[in-house]
């Protein structure tokens, strides 16, 4: 009776992630599980619980010890380079050169900023376009459907992802105004456009140095010329304002 009363007075608490609380006596904090004893069982009987199921432990002296799921533990990714500069590999063929910068915020999330320089590339349509566009996106990288203890991302920036992205562009280009006689006049046209996309993609990382990123996006778009290709994305007519994009980027991690 004395032993039980002492156990009840001086006990620890395991706070599980499902809000359940276990009143017990902690016997061992392991790398994968915690062992504990319960007052209703013999003293030499111990129980264990996986660390990923525990939110925190409150010891009898009031000190708290918090747990983090290994999949999202930043300490597991200290050797991963978390910044990358990218080049849209196909963009120069379509009349622009597009660069992007991505930075990991935490495991499973990163942000990306893109700048496209219109006119810096080949000009297959002889439009003499000059201008720029920019994109801002936030990535959510997919976690495995199931995972074991100690499993983690192969690289903090690697994997399939979904990215809400906003784009805005401004440029001028030559506009050919054809007459009924067959002749045409060259005029300058200024184009303002924008889009809000939901982008699906996947990234591969090689040797913590080189990266390949392929993605497609679809959403809503607008412009002042009733649809067209705006170098970083394409929009349709204002009566059906759908927009789309596709990118193949290569990058260097640092």
C-alpha atoms as a PDB file:
ATOM      1  CA  UNK A   1       0.000   0.000   0.000  1.00  0.00           C
ATOM      2  CA  UNK A   2       2.872   2.338   0.825  1.00  0.00           C
ATOM      3  CA  UNK A   3       4.530   1.660  -2.558  1.00  0.00           C
ATOM      4  CA  UNK A   4       1.277   2.274  -4.441  1.00  0.00           C
ATOM      5  CA  UNK A   5       0.588   5.512  -2.553  1.00  0.00           C
ATOM      6  CA  UNK A   6       4.089   6.771  -3.326  1.00  0.00           C
ATOM      7  CA  UNK A   7       3.601   5.850  -6.994  1.00  0.00           C
ATOM      8  CA  UNK A   8       0.324   7.797  -7.199  1.00  0.00           C
ATOM      9  CA  UNK A   9       1.772  10.860  -5.492  1.00  0.00           C
ATOM     10  CA  UNK A  10       4.925  10.959  -7.619  1.00  0.00           C
ATOM     11  CA  UNK A  11       3.946   9.983 -11.151  1.00  0.00           C
ATOM     12  CA  UNK A  12       4.743  11.014 -14.688  1.00  0.00           C
ATOM     13  CA  UNK A  13       2.307  11.692 -17.509  1.00  0.00           C
ATOM     14  CA  UNK A  14       2.466  10.636 -21.159  1.00  0.00           C
ATOM     15  CA  UNK A  15       0.385  12.946 -23.359  1.00  0.00           C
ATOM     16  CA  UNK A  16      -0.503  11.111 -26.557  1.00  0.00           C
ATOM     17  CA  UNK A  17      -1.299  12.831 -29.861  1.00  0.00           C
ATOM     18  CA  UNK A  18      -4.915  11.610 -29.637  1.00  0.00           C
ATOM     19  CA  UNK A  19      -5.293  13.644 -26.383  1.00  0.00           C
ATOM     20  CA  UNK A  20      -5.150  10.542 -24.157  1.00  0.00           C
ATOM     21  CA  UNK A  21      -3.086  10.880 -20.966  1.00  0.00           C
ATOM     22  CA  UNK A  22      -1.303   7.938 -19.354  1.00  0.00           C
ATOM     23  CA  UNK A  23      -0.418   8.308 -15.654  1.00  0.00           C
ATOM     24  CA  UNK A  24       2.666   6.194 -15.115  1.00  0.00           C
ATOM     25  CA  UNK A  25       6.297   6.048 -14.078  1.00  0.00           C
ATOM     26  CA  UNK A  26       8.783   6.541 -16.923  1.00  0.00           C
ATOM     27  CA  UNK A  27      11.481   3.866 -16.920  1.00  0.00           C
ATOM     28  CA  UNK A  28      13.330   4.506 -20.168  1.00  0.00           C
ATOM     29  CA  UNK A  29      13.386   7.064 -23.011  1.00  0.00           C
ATOM     30  CA  UNK A  30      14.533   5.228 -26.133  1.00  0.00           C
ATOM     31  CA  UNK A  31      15.245   6.434 -29.657  1.00  0.00           C
ATOM     32  CA  UNK A  32      12.082   4.715 -30.958  1.00  0.00           C
ATOM     33  CA  UNK A  33       9.890   4.096 -27.908  1.00  0.00           C
ATOM     34  CA  UNK A  34       9.290   4.969 -24.261  1.00  0.00           C
ATOM     35  CA  UNK A  35       9.045   2.311 -21.538  1.00  0.00           C
ATOM     36  CA  UNK A  36       6.896   2.918 -18.491  1.00  0.00           C
ATOM     37  CA  UNK A  37       5.284   1.184 -15.507  1.00  0.00           C
ATOM     38  CA  UNK A  38       1.650   1.329 -14.357  1.00  0.00           C
ATOM     39  CA  UNK A  39       0.503   1.319 -10.709  1.00  0.00           C
ATOM     40  CA  UNK A  40      -1.979  -1.552 -11.182  1.00  0.00           C
ATOM     41  CA  UNK A  41       0.695  -3.961 -12.398  1.00  0.00           C
ATOM     42  CA  UNK A  42       3.725  -5.584 -10.743  1.00  0.00           C
ATOM     43  CA  UNK A  43       6.765  -3.347 -10.557  1.00  0.00           C
ATOM     44  CA  UNK A  44       8.833  -5.568 -12.855  1.00  0.00           C
ATOM     45  CA  UNK A  45       6.236  -5.351 -15.682  1.00  0.00           C
ATOM     46  CA  UNK A  46       6.921  -2.551 -18.196  1.00  0.00           C
ATOM     47  CA  UNK A  47       4.962  -1.217 -21.130  1.00  0.00           C
ATOM     48  CA  UNK A  48       6.190   0.647 -24.216  1.00  0.00           C
ATOM     49  CA  UNK A  49       4.773   3.167 -26.672  1.00  0.00           C
ATOM     50  CA  UNK A  50       6.169   4.455 -29.995  1.00  0.00           C
ATOM     51  CA  UNK A  51       7.651   7.936 -29.865  1.00  0.00           C
ATOM     52  CA  UNK A  52       5.589   9.039 -32.877  1.00  0.00           C
ATOM     53  CA  UNK A  53       2.403   8.528 -30.849  1.00  0.00           C
ATOM     54  CA  UNK A  54       3.575  10.834 -28.042  1.00  0.00           C
ATOM     55  CA  UNK A  55       3.114  14.587 -28.014  1.00  0.00           C
ATOM     56  CA  UNK A  56       4.994  15.193 -24.787  1.00  0.00           C
ATOM     57  CA  UNK A  57       5.944  13.732 -21.388  1.00  0.00           C
ATOM     58  CA  UNK A  58       5.396  15.670 -18.163  1.00  0.00           C
ATOM     59  CA  UNK A  59       7.660  14.383 -15.406  1.00  0.00           C
ATOM     60  CA  UNK A  60       6.737  14.407 -11.732  1.00  0.00           C
ATOM     61  CA  UNK A  61       8.941  17.456 -11.122  1.00  0.00           C
ATOM     62  CA  UNK A  62       6.997  19.425 -13.768  1.00  0.00           C
ATOM     63  CA  UNK A  63       9.645  19.284 -16.478  1.00  0.00           C
ATOM     64  CA  UNK A  64       8.286  18.628 -19.988  1.00  0.00           C
ATOM     65  CA  UNK A  65       9.842  16.663 -22.836  1.00  0.00           C
ATOM     66  CA  UNK A  66       8.327  17.138 -26.318  1.00  0.00           C
ATOM     67  CA  UNK A  67       8.417  14.626 -29.163  1.00  0.00           C
ATOM     68  CA  UNK A  68       8.488  15.266 -32.901  1.00  0.00           C
ATOM     69  CA  UNK A  69       7.622  12.802 -35.648  1.00  0.00           C
ATOM     70  CA  UNK A  70      10.810  11.571 -37.264  1.00  0.00           C
ATOM     71  CA  UNK A  71       9.434  12.230 -40.750  1.00  0.00           C
ATOM     72  CA  UNK A  72       9.286  15.972 -39.970  1.00  0.00           C
ATOM     73  CA  UNK A  73      12.222  16.268 -37.590  1.00  0.00           C
ATOM     74  CA  UNK A  74      14.592  18.981 -38.971  1.00  0.00           C
ATOM     75  CA  UNK A  75      17.557  17.264 -37.308  1.00  0.00           C
ATOM     76  CA  UNK A  76      17.232  14.441 -39.852  1.00  0.00           C
ATOM     77  CA  UNK A  77      17.946  16.861 -42.717  1.00  0.00           C
ATOM     78  CA  UNK A  78      20.880  18.908 -41.448  1.00  0.00           C
ATOM     79  CA  UNK A  79      23.078  17.646 -44.300  1.00  0.00           C
ATOM     80  CA  UNK A  80      20.504  18.430 -47.023  1.00  0.00           C
ATOM     81  CA  UNK A  81      21.102  21.628 -48.990  1.00  0.00           C
ATOM     82  CA  UNK A  82      17.947  23.704 -48.635  1.00  0.00           C
ATOM     83  CA  UNK A  83      18.338  26.292 -51.422  1.00  0.00           C
ATOM     84  CA  UNK A  84      18.240  25.789 -55.176  1.00  0.00           C
ATOM     85  CA  UNK A  85      18.614  28.044 -58.218  1.00  0.00           C
ATOM     86  CA  UNK A  86      16.748  26.703 -61.262  1.00  0.00           C
ATOM     87  CA  UNK A  87      16.635  27.351 -64.993  1.00  0.00           C
ATOM     88  CA  UNK A  88      13.594  26.493 -67.085  1.00  0.00           C
ATOM     89  CA  UNK A  89      15.385  24.307 -69.599  1.00  0.00           C
ATOM     90  CA  UNK A  90      12.937  24.843 -72.503  1.00  0.00           C
ATOM     91  CA  UNK A  91      12.175  28.538 -71.955  1.00  0.00           C
ATOM     92  CA  UNK A  92      14.860  30.004 -74.315  1.00  0.00           C
ATOM     93  CA  UNK A  93      13.208  28.179 -77.217  1.00  0.00           C
ATOM     94  CA  UNK A  94       9.961  30.063 -76.578  1.00  0.00           C
ATOM     95  CA  UNK A  95      11.352  33.583 -76.438  1.00  0.00           C
ATOM     96  CA  UNK A  96      12.262  33.993 -72.769  1.00  0.00           C
ATOM     97  CA  UNK A  97      14.702  32.837 -70.126  1.00  0.00           C
ATOM     98  CA  UNK A  98      13.216  31.842 -66.801  1.00  0.00           C
ATOM     99  CA  UNK A  99      15.009  31.507 -63.475  1.00  0.00           C
ATOM    100  CA  UNK A 100      13.579  30.324 -60.144  1.00  0.00           C
ATOM    101  CA  UNK A 101      14.740  30.273 -56.534  1.00  0.00           C
ATOM    102  CA  UNK A 102      13.369  27.724 -54.058  1.00  0.00           C
ATOM    103  CA  UNK A 103      14.048  27.492 -50.330  1.00  0.00           C
ATOM    104  CA  UNK A 104      12.935  24.808 -47.910  1.00  0.00           C
ATOM    105  CA  UNK A 105      10.990  26.213 -44.952  1.00  0.00           C
ATOM    106  CA  UNK A 106      10.656  22.920 -43.090  1.00  0.00           C
ATOM    107  CA  UNK A 107      10.311  19.238 -44.028  1.00  0.00           C
ATOM    108  CA  UNK A 108       7.444  18.981 -46.518  1.00  0.00           C
ATOM    109  CA  UNK A 109       7.128  22.706 -47.281  1.00  0.00           C
ATOM    110  CA  UNK A 110       9.044  25.269 -49.345  1.00  0.00           C
ATOM    111  CA  UNK A 111       8.464  28.493 -51.263  1.00  0.00           C
ATOM    112  CA  UNK A 112       9.489  29.324 -54.829  1.00  0.00           C
ATOM    113  CA  UNK A 113       9.935  32.646 -56.639  1.00  0.00           C
ATOM    114  CA  UNK A 114      10.264  32.766 -60.441  1.00  0.00           C
ATOM    115  CA  UNK A 115      11.439  35.518 -62.791  1.00  0.00           C
ATOM    116  CA  UNK A 116      11.069  35.255 -66.567  1.00  0.00           C
ATOM    117  CA  UNK A 117      12.928  37.702 -68.818  1.00  0.00           C
ATOM    118  CA  UNK A 118      10.897  38.030 -72.017  1.00  0.00           C
ATOM    119  CA  UNK A 119      13.006  38.642 -75.120  1.00  0.00           C
ATOM    120  CA  UNK A 120      16.038  36.840 -73.751  1.00  0.00           C
ATOM    121  CA  UNK A 121      15.943  33.800 -76.014  1.00  0.00           C
ATOM    122  CA  UNK A 122      14.999  32.714 -79.516  1.00  0.00           C
ATOM    123  CA  UNK A 123      12.234  34.616 -81.333  1.00  0.00           C
ATOM    124  CA  UNK A 124      10.510  32.078 -83.620  1.00  0.00           C
ATOM    125  CA  UNK A 125       7.542  34.383 -84.291  1.00  0.00           C
ATOM    126  CA  UNK A 126       9.675  37.488 -84.954  1.00  0.00           C
ATOM    127  CA  UNK A 127       7.648  39.404 -82.346  1.00  0.00           C
ATOM    128  CA  UNK A 128      10.510  41.369 -80.756  1.00  0.00           C
ATOM    129  CA  UNK A 129       8.853  40.901 -77.362  1.00  0.00           C
ATOM    130  CA  UNK A 130      10.326  42.708 -74.362  1.00  0.00           C
ATOM    131  CA  UNK A 131       9.193  42.473 -70.768  1.00  0.00           C
ATOM    132  CA  UNK A 132       9.049  40.116 -67.804  1.00  0.00           C
ATOM    133  CA  UNK A 133       6.818  37.919 -65.714  1.00  0.00           C
ATOM    134  CA  UNK A 134       7.045  36.688 -62.149  1.00  0.00           C
ATOM    135  CA  UNK A 135       5.538  33.822 -60.171  1.00  0.00           C
ATOM    136  CA  UNK A 136       5.114  33.189 -56.447  1.00  0.00           C
ATOM    137  CA  UNK A 137       4.291  29.697 -55.162  1.00  0.00           C
ATOM    138  CA  UNK A 138       4.241  27.658 -51.954  1.00  0.00           C
ATOM    139  CA  UNK A 139       4.957  23.928 -52.167  1.00  0.00           C
ATOM    140  CA  UNK A 140       3.518  21.103 -50.123  1.00  0.00           C
ATOM    141  CA  UNK A 141       5.634  17.985 -50.706  1.00  0.00           C
ATOM    142  CA  UNK A 142       3.793  14.673 -50.493  1.00  0.00           C
ATOM    143  CA  UNK A 143       4.530  12.313 -47.594  1.00  0.00           C
ATOM    144  CA  UNK A 144       4.531   8.519 -48.062  1.00  0.00           C
ATOM    145  CA  UNK A 145       1.178   6.724 -47.779  1.00  0.00           C
ATOM    146  CA  UNK A 146       2.718   4.815 -44.875  1.00  0.00           C
ATOM    147  CA  UNK A 147       6.092   4.824 -43.196  1.00  0.00           C
ATOM    148  CA  UNK A 148       8.072   3.035 -40.531  1.00  0.00           C
ATOM    149  CA  UNK A 149       9.922   4.496 -37.579  1.00  0.00           C
ATOM    150  CA  UNK A 150      13.028   6.426 -38.606  1.00  0.00           C
ATOM    151  CA  UNK A 151      11.779   6.829 -42.190  1.00  0.00           C
ATOM    152  CA  UNK A 152      12.345  10.292 -43.660  1.00  0.00           C
ATOM    153  CA  UNK A 153      12.330  12.140 -46.964  1.00  0.00           C
ATOM    154  CA  UNK A 154      15.173  10.954 -49.209  1.00  0.00           C
ATOM    155  CA  UNK A 155      15.949  14.684 -49.530  1.00  0.00           C
ATOM    156  CA  UNK A 156      14.100  17.617 -48.005  1.00  0.00           C
ATOM    157  CA  UNK A 157      13.306  18.984 -51.518  1.00  0.00           C
ATOM    158  CA  UNK A 158      12.657  15.674 -53.262  1.00  0.00           C
ATOM    159  CA  UNK A 159       9.258  14.205 -54.085  1.00  0.00           C
ATOM    160  CA  UNK A 160       5.863  14.870 -55.620  1.00  0.00           C
ATOM    161  CA  UNK A 161       4.237  18.149 -54.647  1.00  0.00           C
ATOM    162  CA  UNK A 162       1.259  20.443 -55.044  1.00  0.00           C
ATOM    163  CA  UNK A 163       1.818  24.189 -55.317  1.00  0.00           C
ATOM    164  CA  UNK A 164      -0.657  27.087 -55.326  1.00  0.00           C
ATOM    165  CA  UNK A 165       0.961  29.718 -57.549  1.00  0.00           C
ATOM    166  CA  UNK A 166       0.192  33.293 -58.608  1.00  0.00           C
ATOM    167  CA  UNK A 167       1.698  34.740 -61.821  1.00  0.00           C
ATOM    168  CA  UNK A 168       1.830  38.219 -63.304  1.00  0.00           C
ATOM    169  CA  UNK A 169       3.361  39.423 -66.587  1.00  0.00           C
ATOM    170  CA  UNK A 170       3.909  42.635 -68.515  1.00  0.00           C
ATOM    171  CA  UNK A 171       5.489  42.912 -71.961  1.00  0.00           C
ATOM    172  CA  UNK A 172       5.249  44.566 -75.369  1.00  0.00           C
ATOM    173  CA  UNK A 173       5.617  42.919 -78.773  1.00  0.00           C
ATOM    174  CA  UNK A 174       5.145  43.581 -82.480  1.00  0.00           C
ATOM    175  CA  UNK A 175       1.592  43.158 -83.663  1.00  0.00           C
ATOM    176  CA  UNK A 176       0.947  42.580 -87.377  1.00  0.00           C
ATOM    177  CA  UNK A 177      -2.231  44.306 -88.576  1.00  0.00           C
ATOM    178  CA  UNK A 178      -3.184  42.768 -91.923  1.00  0.00           C
ATOM    179  CA  UNK A 179      -5.180  44.780 -94.449  1.00  0.00           C
ATOM    180  CA  UNK A 180      -7.642  43.507 -97.059  1.00  0.00           C
ATOM    181  CA  UNK A 181      -5.090  44.222 -99.799  1.00  0.00           C
ATOM    182  CA  UNK A 182      -2.749  41.656 -98.276  1.00  0.00           C
ATOM    183  CA  UNK A 183      -0.348  44.198 -96.859  1.00  0.00           C
ATOM    184  CA  UNK A 184       0.217  44.600 -93.156  1.00  0.00           C
ATOM    185  CA  UNK A 185       1.363  47.221 -90.724  1.00  0.00           C
ATOM    186  CA  UNK A 186       3.591  46.548 -87.741  1.00  0.00           C
ATOM    187  CA  UNK A 187       2.311  47.978 -84.495  1.00  0.00           C
ATOM    188  CA  UNK A 188       3.442  47.714 -80.882  1.00  0.00           C
ATOM    189  CA  UNK A 189       1.064  46.032 -78.454  1.00  0.00           C
ATOM    190  CA  UNK A 190       1.348  46.062 -74.670  1.00  0.00           C
ATOM    191  CA  UNK A 191       0.105  42.967 -72.866  1.00  0.00           C
ATOM    192  CA  UNK A 192      -0.776  42.631 -69.184  1.00  0.00           C
ATOM    193  CA  UNK A 193      -1.635  39.163 -67.904  1.00  0.00           C
ATOM    194  CA  UNK A 194      -1.948  37.089 -64.750  1.00  0.00           C
ATOM    195  CA  UNK A 195      -2.928  33.650 -63.546  1.00  0.00           C
ATOM    196  CA  UNK A 196      -3.742  31.676 -60.427  1.00  0.00           C
ATOM    197  CA  UNK A 197      -2.710  28.044 -60.831  1.00  0.00           C
ATOM    198  CA  UNK A 198      -2.752  24.822 -58.904  1.00  0.00           C
ATOM    199  CA  UNK A 199       0.515  23.173 -59.929  1.00  0.00           C
ATOM    200  CA  UNK A 200       1.263  19.452 -59.705  1.00  0.00           C
ATOM    201  CA  UNK A 201       4.865  18.360 -60.058  1.00  0.00           C
ATOM    202  CA  UNK A 202       7.727  16.182 -58.961  1.00  0.00           C
ATOM    203  CA  UNK A 203      11.359  16.872 -58.117  1.00  0.00           C
ATOM    204  CA  UNK A 204      14.354  14.579 -58.255  1.00  0.00           C
ATOM    205  CA  UNK A 205      17.584  15.389 -56.392  1.00  0.00           C
ATOM    206  CA  UNK A 206      20.927  13.863 -57.346  1.00  0.00           C
ATOM    207  CA  UNK A 207      23.944  13.786 -55.012  1.00  0.00           C
ATOM    208  CA  UNK A 208      22.602  16.752 -53.024  1.00  0.00           C
ATOM    209  CA  UNK A 209      23.812  18.988 -55.882  1.00  0.00           C
ATOM    210  CA  UNK A 210      21.661  18.642 -59.012  1.00  0.00           C
ATOM    211  CA  UNK A 211      17.871  18.855 -59.275  1.00  0.00           C
ATOM    212  CA  UNK A 212      15.247  18.194 -61.967  1.00  0.00           C
ATOM    213  CA  UNK A 213      11.736  19.616 -61.558  1.00  0.00           C
ATOM    214  CA  UNK A 214       8.805  18.822 -63.875  1.00  0.00           C
ATOM    215  CA  UNK A 215       5.369  20.341 -63.354  1.00  0.00           C
ATOM    216  CA  UNK A 216       2.053  21.219 -64.987  1.00  0.00           C
ATOM    217  CA  UNK A 217      -0.428  23.783 -63.746  1.00  0.00           C
ATOM    218  CA  UNK A 218      -4.044  24.678 -64.420  1.00  0.00           C
ATOM    219  CA  UNK A 219      -6.278  27.427 -63.097  1.00  0.00           C
ATOM    220  CA  UNK A 220      -7.728  30.824 -63.900  1.00  0.00           C
ATOM    221  CA  UNK A 221      -6.088  33.481 -66.063  1.00  0.00           C
ATOM    222  CA  UNK A 222      -6.679  36.970 -67.415  1.00  0.00           C
ATOM    223  CA  UNK A 223      -5.155  39.349 -69.946  1.00  0.00           C
ATOM    224  CA  UNK A 224      -6.026  42.430 -71.976  1.00  0.00           C
ATOM    225  CA  UNK A 225      -5.825  40.738 -75.394  1.00  0.00           C
ATOM    226  CA  UNK A 226      -8.478  38.040 -74.954  1.00  0.00           C
ATOM    227  CA  UNK A 227      -6.212  35.033 -74.665  1.00  0.00           C
ATOM    228  CA  UNK A 228      -2.837  33.851 -75.890  1.00  0.00           C
ATOM    229  CA  UNK A 229       0.581  32.525 -74.899  1.00  0.00           C
ATOM    230  CA  UNK A 230       2.301  34.817 -72.404  1.00  0.00           C
ATOM    231  CA  UNK A 231       5.652  33.000 -72.215  1.00  0.00           C
ATOM    232  CA  UNK A 232       5.291  31.702 -68.642  1.00  0.00           C
ATOM    233  CA  UNK A 233       1.720  30.462 -69.108  1.00  0.00           C
ATOM    234  CA  UNK A 234      -1.175  30.577 -71.543  1.00  0.00           C
ATOM    235  CA  UNK A 235      -4.678  31.993 -71.138  1.00  0.00           C
ATOM    236  CA  UNK A 236      -7.897  31.458 -73.063  1.00  0.00           C
ATOM    237  CA  UNK A 237     -10.671  33.856 -74.036  1.00  0.00           C
ATOM    238  CA  UNK A 238     -12.283  35.941 -71.324  1.00  0.00           C
ATOM    239  CA  UNK A 239     -15.585  34.073 -71.781  1.00  0.00           C
ATOM    240  CA  UNK A 240     -13.849  30.930 -70.443  1.00  0.00           C
ATOM    241  CA  UNK A 241     -10.865  32.182 -68.397  1.00  0.00           C
ATOM    242  CA  UNK A 242      -8.924  28.949 -68.004  1.00  0.00           C
ATOM    243  CA  UNK A 243      -5.135  29.043 -67.901  1.00  0.00           C
ATOM    244  CA  UNK A 244      -2.336  26.484 -68.015  1.00  0.00           C
ATOM    245  CA  UNK A 245       1.417  26.073 -67.742  1.00  0.00           C
ATOM    246  CA  UNK A 246       4.131  23.421 -68.046  1.00  0.00           C
ATOM    247  CA  UNK A 247       7.765  23.582 -66.932  1.00  0.00           C
ATOM    248  CA  UNK A 248      10.927  21.505 -67.014  1.00  0.00           C
ATOM    249  CA  UNK A 249      13.569  23.003 -64.737  1.00  0.00           C
ATOM    250  CA  UNK A 250      17.084  22.000 -63.812  1.00  0.00           C
ATOM    251  CA  UNK A 251      18.717  23.366 -60.710  1.00  0.00           C
ATOM    252  CA  UNK A 252      21.854  23.676 -58.571  1.00  0.00           C
ATOM    253  CA  UNK A 253      21.562  23.196 -54.799  1.00  0.00           C
ATOM    254  CA  UNK A 254      23.517  25.204 -52.256  1.00  0.00           C
END
